[in-house]
């Protein structure tokens, strides 16, 4: 999950720097998703420390889904 988060951040950051994000709304949406992923990552780490492995699995799946959406949206280019 941490690796997926890092990859999503890198994809978004590269697109933002290049100015190729599809729209300002997409940028705001992705920024919100990145904050959510970071929150979930902290939650997963807390669950892991508490040995709540089912929670870790569920949170990790959420993170994977969100990060894939971020990567896909970051790769969409301006029309």
PDB file of N, CA and C in Angstrom:
ATOM      1  N   UNK A   1       0.829  -1.200   0.000  1.00  0.00           N
ATOM      2  CA  UNK A   1       0.000   0.000   0.000  1.00  0.00           C
ATOM      3  C   UNK A   1       0.870   1.259   0.000  1.00  0.00           C
ATOM      4  N   UNK A   2       1.955   1.218   0.750  1.00  0.00           N
ATOM      5  CA  UNK A   2       2.853   2.380   0.789  1.00  0.00           C
ATOM      6  C   UNK A   2       3.486   2.598  -0.579  1.00  0.00           C
ATOM      7  N   UNK A   3       3.852   1.509  -1.236  1.00  0.00           N
ATOM      8  CA  UNK A   3       4.447   1.626  -2.573  1.00  0.00           C
ATOM      9  C   UNK A   3       3.433   2.183  -3.565  1.00  0.00           C
ATOM     10  N   UNK A   4       2.194   1.709  -3.500  1.00  0.00           N
ATOM     11  CA  UNK A   4       1.144   2.199  -4.405  1.00  0.00           C
ATOM     12  C   UNK A   4       0.891   3.689  -4.169  1.00  0.00           C
ATOM     13  N   UNK A   5       0.923   4.094  -2.906  1.00  0.00           N
ATOM     14  CA  UNK A   5       0.731   5.509  -2.572  1.00  0.00           C
ATOM     15  C   UNK A   5       1.854   6.352  -3.159  1.00  0.00           C
ATOM     16  N   UNK A   6       3.071   5.883  -3.019  1.00  0.00           N
ATOM     17  CA  UNK A   6       4.224   6.604  -3.560  1.00  0.00           C
ATOM     18  C   UNK A   6       4.137   6.704  -5.079  1.00  0.00           C
ATOM     19  N   UNK A   7       3.748   5.614  -5.722  1.00  0.00           N
ATOM     20  CA  UNK A   7       3.629   5.621  -7.181  1.00  0.00           C
ATOM     21  C   UNK A   7       2.544   6.602  -7.632  1.00  0.00           C
ATOM     22  N   UNK A   8       1.411   6.608  -6.930  1.00  0.00           N
ATOM     23  CA  UNK A   8       0.324   7.530  -7.278  1.00  0.00           C
ATOM     24  C   UNK A   8       0.781   8.972  -7.126  1.00  0.00           C
ATOM     25  N   UNK A   9       1.494   9.264  -6.036  1.00  0.00           N
ATOM     26  CA  UNK A   9       2.009  10.614  -5.817  1.00  0.00           C
ATOM     27  C   UNK A   9       2.954  11.013  -6.944  1.00  0.00           C
ATOM     28  N   UNK A  10       3.851  10.117  -7.331  1.00  0.00           N
ATOM     29  CA  UNK A  10       4.813  10.425  -8.392  1.00  0.00           C
ATOM     30  C   UNK A  10       4.111  10.687  -9.727  1.00  0.00           C
ATOM     31  N   UNK A  11       3.124   9.887 -10.071  1.00  0.00           N
ATOM     32  CA  UNK A  11       2.368  10.086 -11.317  1.00  0.00           C
ATOM     33  C   UNK A  11       1.669  11.448 -11.304  1.00  0.00           C
ATOM     34  N   UNK A  12       1.013  11.739 -10.192  1.00  0.00           N
ATOM     35  CA  UNK A  12       0.306  13.014 -10.068  1.00  0.00           C
ATOM     36  C   UNK A  12       1.286  14.182 -10.135  1.00  0.00           C
ATOM     37  N   UNK A  13       2.365  14.095  -9.394  1.00  0.00           N
ATOM     38  CA  UNK A  13       3.340  15.175  -9.327  1.00  0.00           C
ATOM     39  C   UNK A  13       3.936  15.455 -10.707  1.00  0.00           C
ATOM     40  N   UNK A  14       4.274  14.399 -11.431  1.00  0.00           N
ATOM     41  CA  UNK A  14       4.844  14.575 -12.771  1.00  0.00           C
ATOM     42  C   UNK A  14       3.843  15.269 -13.697  1.00  0.00           C
ATOM     43  N   UNK A  15       2.589  14.837 -13.653  1.00  0.00           N
ATOM     44  CA  UNK A  15       1.572  15.447 -14.518  1.00  0.00           C
ATOM     45  C   UNK A  15       1.314  16.901 -14.114  1.00  0.00           C
ATOM     46  N   UNK A  16       1.325  17.170 -12.821  1.00  0.00           N
ATOM     47  CA  UNK A  16       1.091  18.537 -12.352  1.00  0.00           C
ATOM     48  C   UNK A  16       2.237  19.456 -12.782  1.00  0.00           C
ATOM     49  N   UNK A  17       3.456  18.988 -12.665  1.00  0.00           N
ATOM     50  CA  UNK A  17       4.623  19.788 -13.056  1.00  0.00           C
ATOM     51  C   UNK A  17       4.622  20.048 -14.562  1.00  0.00           C
ATOM     52  N   UNK A  18       4.262  19.013 -15.326  1.00  0.00           N
ATOM     53  CA  UNK A  18       4.235  19.156 -16.784  1.00  0.00           C
ATOM     54  C   UNK A  18       3.046  19.986 -17.255  1.00  0.00           C
ATOM     55  N   UNK A  19       2.084  20.200 -16.363  1.00  0.00           N
ATOM     56  CA  UNK A  19       0.891  20.955 -16.742  1.00  0.00           C
ATOM     57  C   UNK A  19      -0.019  20.190 -17.681  1.00  0.00           C
ATOM     58  N   UNK A  20      -0.007  18.861 -17.558  1.00  0.00           N
ATOM     59  CA  UNK A  20      -0.775  18.045 -18.494  1.00  0.00           C
ATOM     60  C   UNK A  20      -2.033  17.425 -17.882  1.00  0.00           C
ATOM     61  N   UNK A  21      -2.339  17.747 -16.626  1.00  0.00           N
ATOM     62  CA  UNK A  21      -3.563  17.205 -16.037  1.00  0.00           C
ATOM     63  C   UNK A  21      -4.764  17.663 -16.853  1.00  0.00           C
ATOM     64  N   UNK A  22      -5.770  16.802 -16.935  1.00  0.00           N
ATOM     65  CA  UNK A  22      -6.920  17.062 -17.795  1.00  0.00           C
ATOM     66  C   UNK A  22      -7.658  18.345 -17.435  1.00  0.00           C
ATOM     67  N   UNK A  23      -7.737  18.685 -16.151  1.00  0.00           N
ATOM     68  CA  UNK A  23      -8.450  19.898 -15.756  1.00  0.00           C
ATOM     69  C   UNK A  23      -8.104  20.264 -14.316  1.00  0.00           C
ATOM     70  N   UNK A  24      -8.393  21.518 -13.941  1.00  0.00           N
ATOM     71  CA  UNK A  24      -8.184  21.912 -12.541  1.00  0.00           C
ATOM     72  C   UNK A  24      -9.044  21.082 -11.580  1.00  0.00           C
ATOM     73  N   UNK A  25     -10.241  20.700 -12.011  1.00  0.00           N
ATOM     74  CA  UNK A  25     -11.102  19.869 -11.169  1.00  0.00           C
ATOM     75  C   UNK A  25     -10.453  18.514 -10.901  1.00  0.00           C
ATOM     76  N   UNK A  26      -9.831  17.942 -11.914  1.00  0.00           N
ATOM     77  CA  UNK A  26      -9.122  16.664 -11.743  1.00  0.00           C
ATOM     78  C   UNK A  26      -8.006  16.846 -10.719  1.00  0.00           C
ATOM     79  N   UNK A  27      -7.286  17.946 -10.789  1.00  0.00           N
ATOM     80  CA  UNK A  27      -6.191  18.188  -9.850  1.00  0.00           C
ATOM     81  C   UNK A  27      -6.711  18.246  -8.414  1.00  0.00           C
ATOM     82  N   UNK A  28      -7.780  18.980  -8.198  1.00  0.00           N
ATOM     83  CA  UNK A  28      -8.353  19.101  -6.854  1.00  0.00           C
ATOM     84  C   UNK A  28      -8.843  17.739  -6.368  1.00  0.00           C
ATOM     85  N   UNK A  29      -9.470  16.992  -7.248  1.00  0.00           N
ATOM     86  CA  UNK A  29      -9.966  15.663  -6.895  1.00  0.00           C
ATOM     87  C   UNK A  29      -8.820  14.751  -6.488  1.00  0.00           C
ATOM     88  N   UNK A  30      -7.763  14.742  -7.276  1.00  0.00           N
ATOM     89  CA  UNK A  30      -6.606  13.895  -6.977  1.00  0.00           C
ATOM     90  C   UNK A  30      -5.965  14.311  -5.665  1.00  0.00           C
ATOM     91  N   UNK A  31      -5.838  15.605  -5.439  1.00  0.00           N
ATOM     92  CA  UNK A  31      -5.246  16.063  -4.181  1.00  0.00           C
ATOM     93  C   UNK A  31      -6.050  15.545  -2.986  1.00  0.00           C
ATOM     94  N   UNK A  32      -7.378  15.588  -3.091  1.00  0.00           N
ATOM     95  CA  UNK A  32      -8.223  15.052  -2.033  1.00  0.00           C
ATOM     96  C   UNK A  32      -8.034  13.557  -1.850  1.00  0.00           C
ATOM     97  N   UNK A  33      -7.906  12.850  -2.969  1.00  0.00           N
ATOM     98  CA  UNK A  33      -7.687  11.404  -2.907  1.00  0.00           C
ATOM     99  C   UNK A  33      -6.338  11.076  -2.280  1.00  0.00           C
ATOM    100  N   UNK A  34      -5.323  11.866  -2.584  1.00  0.00           N
ATOM    101  CA  UNK A  34      -4.010  11.639  -1.981  1.00  0.00           C
ATOM    102  C   UNK A  34      -4.058  11.825  -0.471  1.00  0.00           C
ATOM    103  N   UNK A  35      -4.787  12.824  -0.007  1.00  0.00           N
ATOM    104  CA  UNK A  35      -4.937  13.025   1.436  1.00  0.00           C
ATOM    105  C   UNK A  35      -5.662  11.824   2.058  1.00  0.00           C
ATOM    106  N   UNK A  36      -6.693  11.341   1.388  1.00  0.00           N
ATOM    107  CA  UNK A  36      -7.441  10.187   1.884  1.00  0.00           C
ATOM    108  C   UNK A  36      -6.550   8.948   1.943  1.00  0.00           C
ATOM    109  N   UNK A  37      -5.738   8.741   0.920  1.00  0.00           N
ATOM    110  CA  UNK A  37      -4.846   7.581   0.891  1.00  0.00           C
ATOM    111  C   UNK A  37      -3.838   7.662   2.033  1.00  0.00           C
ATOM    112  N   UNK A  38      -3.307   8.830   2.272  1.00  0.00           N
ATOM    113  CA  UNK A  38      -2.345   8.971   3.382  1.00  0.00           C
ATOM    114  C   UNK A  38      -3.018   8.674   4.717  1.00  0.00           C
ATOM    115  N   UNK A  39      -4.268   9.131   4.876  1.00  0.00           N
ATOM    116  CA  UNK A  39      -5.008   8.860   6.106  1.00  0.00           C
ATOM    117  C   UNK A  39      -5.229   7.360   6.265  1.00  0.00           C
ATOM    118  N   UNK A  40      -5.635   6.709   5.171  1.00  0.00           N
ATOM    119  CA  UNK A  40      -5.853   5.270   5.204  1.00  0.00           C
ATOM    120  C   UNK A  40      -4.565   4.503   5.482  1.00  0.00           C
ATOM    121  N   UNK A  41      -3.472   4.977   4.950  1.00  0.00           N
ATOM    122  CA  UNK A  41      -2.184   4.328   5.186  1.00  0.00           C
ATOM    123  C   UNK A  41      -1.830   4.371   6.672  1.00  0.00           C
ATOM    124  N   UNK A  42      -2.054   5.509   7.309  1.00  0.00           N
ATOM    125  CA  UNK A  42      -1.807   5.608   8.755  1.00  0.00           C
ATOM    126  C   UNK A  42      -2.735   4.666   9.521  1.00  0.00           C
ATOM    127  N   UNK A  43      -3.981   4.585   9.073  1.00  0.00           N
ATOM    128  CA  UNK A  43      -4.947   3.691   9.702  1.00  0.00           C
ATOM    129  C   UNK A  43      -4.513   2.231   9.546  1.00  0.00           C
ATOM    130  N   UNK A  44      -4.021   1.870   8.384  1.00  0.00           N
ATOM    131  CA  UNK A  44      -3.549   0.501   8.145  1.00  0.00           C
ATOM    132  C   UNK A  44      -2.355   0.175   9.030  1.00  0.00           C
ATOM    133  N   UNK A  45      -1.452   1.113   9.178  1.00  0.00           N
ATOM    134  CA  UNK A  45      -0.283   0.883  10.040  1.00  0.00           C
ATOM    135  C   UNK A  45      -0.709   0.704  11.501  1.00  0.00           C
ATOM    136  N   UNK A  46      -1.681   1.497  11.921  1.00  0.00           N
ATOM    137  CA  UNK A  46      -2.204   1.373  13.287  1.00  0.00           C
ATOM    138  C   UNK A  46      -2.857   0.004  13.472  1.00  0.00           C
ATOM    139  N   UNK A  47      -3.652  -0.425  12.492  1.00  0.00           N
ATOM    140  CA  UNK A  47      -4.302  -1.737  12.554  1.00  0.00           C
ATOM    141  C   UNK A  47      -3.262  -2.857  12.588  1.00  0.00           C
ATOM    142  N   UNK A  48      -2.202  -2.688  11.834  1.00  0.00           N
ATOM    143  CA  UNK A  48      -1.144  -3.697  11.819  1.00  0.00           C
ATOM    144  C   UNK A  48      -0.472  -3.799  13.187  1.00  0.00           C
ATOM    145  N   UNK A  49      -0.185  -2.654  13.785  1.00  0.00           N
ATOM    146  CA  UNK A  49       0.428  -2.663  15.123  1.00  0.00           C
ATOM    147  C   UNK A  49      -0.486  -3.347  16.145  1.00  0.00           C
ATOM    148  N   UNK A  50      -1.800  -3.219  15.932  1.00  0.00           N
ATOM    149  CA  UNK A  50      -2.783  -3.831  16.832  1.00  0.00           C
ATOM    150  C   UNK A  50      -3.114  -5.273  16.426  1.00  0.00           C
ATOM    151  N   UNK A  51      -2.456  -5.743  15.386  1.00  0.00           N
ATOM    152  CA  UNK A  51      -2.631  -7.091  14.856  1.00  0.00           C
ATOM    153  C   UNK A  51      -4.068  -7.346  14.380  1.00  0.00           C
ATOM    154  N   UNK A  52      -4.686  -6.336  13.830  1.00  0.00           N
ATOM    155  CA  UNK A  52      -6.015  -6.457  13.217  1.00  0.00           C
ATOM    156  C   UNK A  52      -5.815  -6.658  11.715  1.00  0.00           C
ATOM    157  N   UNK A  53      -5.415  -7.850  11.361  1.00  0.00           N
ATOM    158  CA  UNK A  53      -4.971  -8.110   9.997  1.00  0.00           C
ATOM    159  C   UNK A  53      -6.089  -8.057   8.962  1.00  0.00           C
ATOM    160  N   UNK A  54      -7.319  -8.391   9.350  1.00  0.00           N
ATOM    161  CA  UNK A  54      -8.435  -8.269   8.404  1.00  0.00           C
ATOM    162  C   UNK A  54      -8.648  -6.800   8.052  1.00  0.00           C
ATOM    163  N   UNK A  55      -8.524  -5.924   9.040  1.00  0.00           N
ATOM    164  CA  UNK A  55      -8.653  -4.484   8.786  1.00  0.00           C
ATOM    165  C   UNK A  55      -7.534  -4.009   7.867  1.00  0.00           C
ATOM    166  N   UNK A  56      -6.333  -4.496   8.105  1.00  0.00           N
ATOM    167  CA  UNK A  56      -5.194  -4.133   7.256  1.00  0.00           C
ATOM    168  C   UNK A  56      -5.485  -4.518   5.813  1.00  0.00           C
ATOM    169  N   UNK A  57      -6.007  -5.724   5.629  1.00  0.00           N
ATOM    170  CA  UNK A  57      -6.323  -6.203   4.277  1.00  0.00           C
ATOM    171  C   UNK A  57      -7.375  -5.317   3.615  1.00  0.00           C
ATOM    172  N   UNK A  58      -8.435  -5.005   4.338  1.00  0.00           N
ATOM    173  CA  UNK A  58      -9.518  -4.189   3.779  1.00  0.00           C
ATOM    174  C   UNK A  58      -9.042  -2.773   3.447  1.00  0.00           C
ATOM    175  N   UNK A  59      -8.269  -2.184   4.331  1.00  0.00           N
ATOM    176  CA  UNK A  59      -7.757  -0.827   4.108  1.00  0.00           C
ATOM    177  C   UNK A  59      -6.787  -0.825   2.935  1.00  0.00           C
ATOM    178  N   UNK A  60      -5.954  -1.849   2.866  1.00  0.00           N
ATOM    179  CA  UNK A  60      -4.998  -1.954   1.762  1.00  0.00           C
ATOM    180  C   UNK A  60      -5.727  -2.047   0.429  1.00  0.00           C
ATOM    181  N   UNK A  61      -6.812  -2.789   0.394  1.00  0.00           N
ATOM    182  CA  UNK A  61      -7.598  -2.887  -0.840  1.00  0.00           C
ATOM    183  C   UNK A  61      -8.177  -1.523  -1.222  1.00  0.00           C
ATOM    184  N   UNK A  62      -8.649  -0.771  -0.236  1.00  0.00           N
ATOM    185  CA  UNK A  62      -9.152   0.585  -0.504  1.00  0.00           C
ATOM    186  C   UNK A  62      -8.042   1.461  -1.077  1.00  0.00           C
ATOM    187  N   UNK A  63      -6.872   1.384  -0.469  1.00  0.00           N
ATOM    188  CA  UNK A  63      -5.737   2.183  -0.926  1.00  0.00           C
ATOM    189  C   UNK A  63      -5.386   1.824  -2.363  1.00  0.00           C
ATOM    190  N   UNK A  64      -5.351   0.532  -2.661  1.00  0.00           N
ATOM    191  CA  UNK A  64      -5.017   0.095  -4.020  1.00  0.00           C
ATOM    192  C   UNK A  64      -6.009   0.657  -5.035  1.00  0.00           C
ATOM    193  N   UNK A  65      -7.282   0.610  -4.692  1.00  0.00           N
ATOM    194  CA  UNK A  65      -8.310   1.110  -5.604  1.00  0.00           C
ATOM    195  C   UNK A  65      -8.165   2.617  -5.832  1.00  0.00           C
ATOM    196  N   UNK A  66      -7.986   3.352  -4.763  1.00  0.00           N
ATOM    197  CA  UNK A  66      -7.858   4.810  -4.885  1.00  0.00           C
ATOM    198  C   UNK A  66      -6.595   5.179  -5.651  1.00  0.00           C
ATOM    199  N   UNK A  67      -5.490   4.514  -5.343  1.00  0.00           N
ATOM    200  CA  UNK A  67      -4.238   4.866  -6.032  1.00  0.00           C
ATOM    201  C   UNK A  67      -4.321   4.548  -7.523  1.00  0.00           C
ATOM    202  N   UNK A  68      -5.006   3.479  -7.882  1.00  0.00           N
ATOM    203  CA  UNK A  68      -5.173   3.185  -9.312  1.00  0.00           C
ATOM    204  C   UNK A  68      -5.993   4.271  -9.992  1.00  0.00           C
ATOM    205  N   UNK A  69      -7.011   4.772  -9.314  1.00  0.00           N
ATOM    206  CA  UNK A  69      -7.799   5.883  -9.862  1.00  0.00           C
ATOM    207  C   UNK A  69      -6.944   7.132 -10.019  1.00  0.00           C
ATOM    208  N   UNK A  70      -6.086   7.396  -9.048  1.00  0.00           N
ATOM    209  CA  UNK A  70      -5.202   8.563  -9.124  1.00  0.00           C
ATOM    210  C   UNK A  70      -4.265   8.433 -10.318  1.00  0.00           C
ATOM    211  N   UNK A  71      -3.668   7.273 -10.467  1.00  0.00           N
ATOM    212  CA  UNK A  71      -2.726   7.057 -11.571  1.00  0.00           C
ATOM    213  C   UNK A  71      -3.438   7.221 -12.909  1.00  0.00           C
ATOM    214  N   UNK A  72      -4.603   6.625 -13.028  1.00  0.00           N
ATOM    215  CA  UNK A  72      -5.362   6.733 -14.283  1.00  0.00           C
ATOM    216  C   UNK A  72      -5.715   8.191 -14.573  1.00  0.00           C
ATOM    217  N   UNK A  73      -6.214   8.911 -13.583  1.00  0.00           N
ATOM    218  CA  UNK A  73      -6.590  10.312 -13.783  1.00  0.00           C
ATOM    219  C   UNK A  73      -5.370  11.171 -14.094  1.00  0.00           C
ATOM    220  N   UNK A  74      -4.237  10.849 -13.480  1.00  0.00           N
ATOM    221  CA  UNK A  74      -3.013  11.622 -13.729  1.00  0.00           C
ATOM    222  C   UNK A  74      -2.502  11.426 -15.142  1.00  0.00           C
ATOM    223  N   UNK A  75      -2.807  10.306 -15.734  1.00  0.00           N
ATOM    224  CA  UNK A  75      -2.341  10.010 -17.090  1.00  0.00           C
ATOM    225  C   UNK A  75      -3.257  10.577 -18.159  1.00  0.00           C
ATOM    226  N   UNK A  76      -4.472  10.994 -17.760  1.00  0.00           N
ATOM    227  CA  UNK A  76      -5.375  11.629 -18.728  1.00  0.00           C
ATOM    228  C   UNK A  76      -4.820  13.012 -19.042  1.00  0.00           C
ATOM    229  N   UNK A  77      -4.762  13.329 -20.298  1.00  0.00           N
ATOM    230  CA  UNK A  77      -4.165  14.590 -20.728  1.00  0.00           C
ATOM    231  C   UNK A  77      -5.214  15.602 -21.125  1.00  0.00           C
ATOM    232  N   UNK A  78      -4.805  16.842 -21.125  1.00  0.00           N
ATOM    233  CA  UNK A  78      -5.690  17.929 -21.592  1.00  0.00           C
ATOM    234  C   UNK A  78      -6.116  17.644 -23.018  1.00  0.00           C
ATOM    235  N   UNK A  79      -7.324  18.044 -23.324  1.00  0.00           N
ATOM    236  CA  UNK A  79      -7.825  17.866 -24.683  1.00  0.00           C
ATOM    237  C   UNK A  79      -7.551  19.119 -25.495  1.00  0.00           C
TER     238      UNK A  79
END
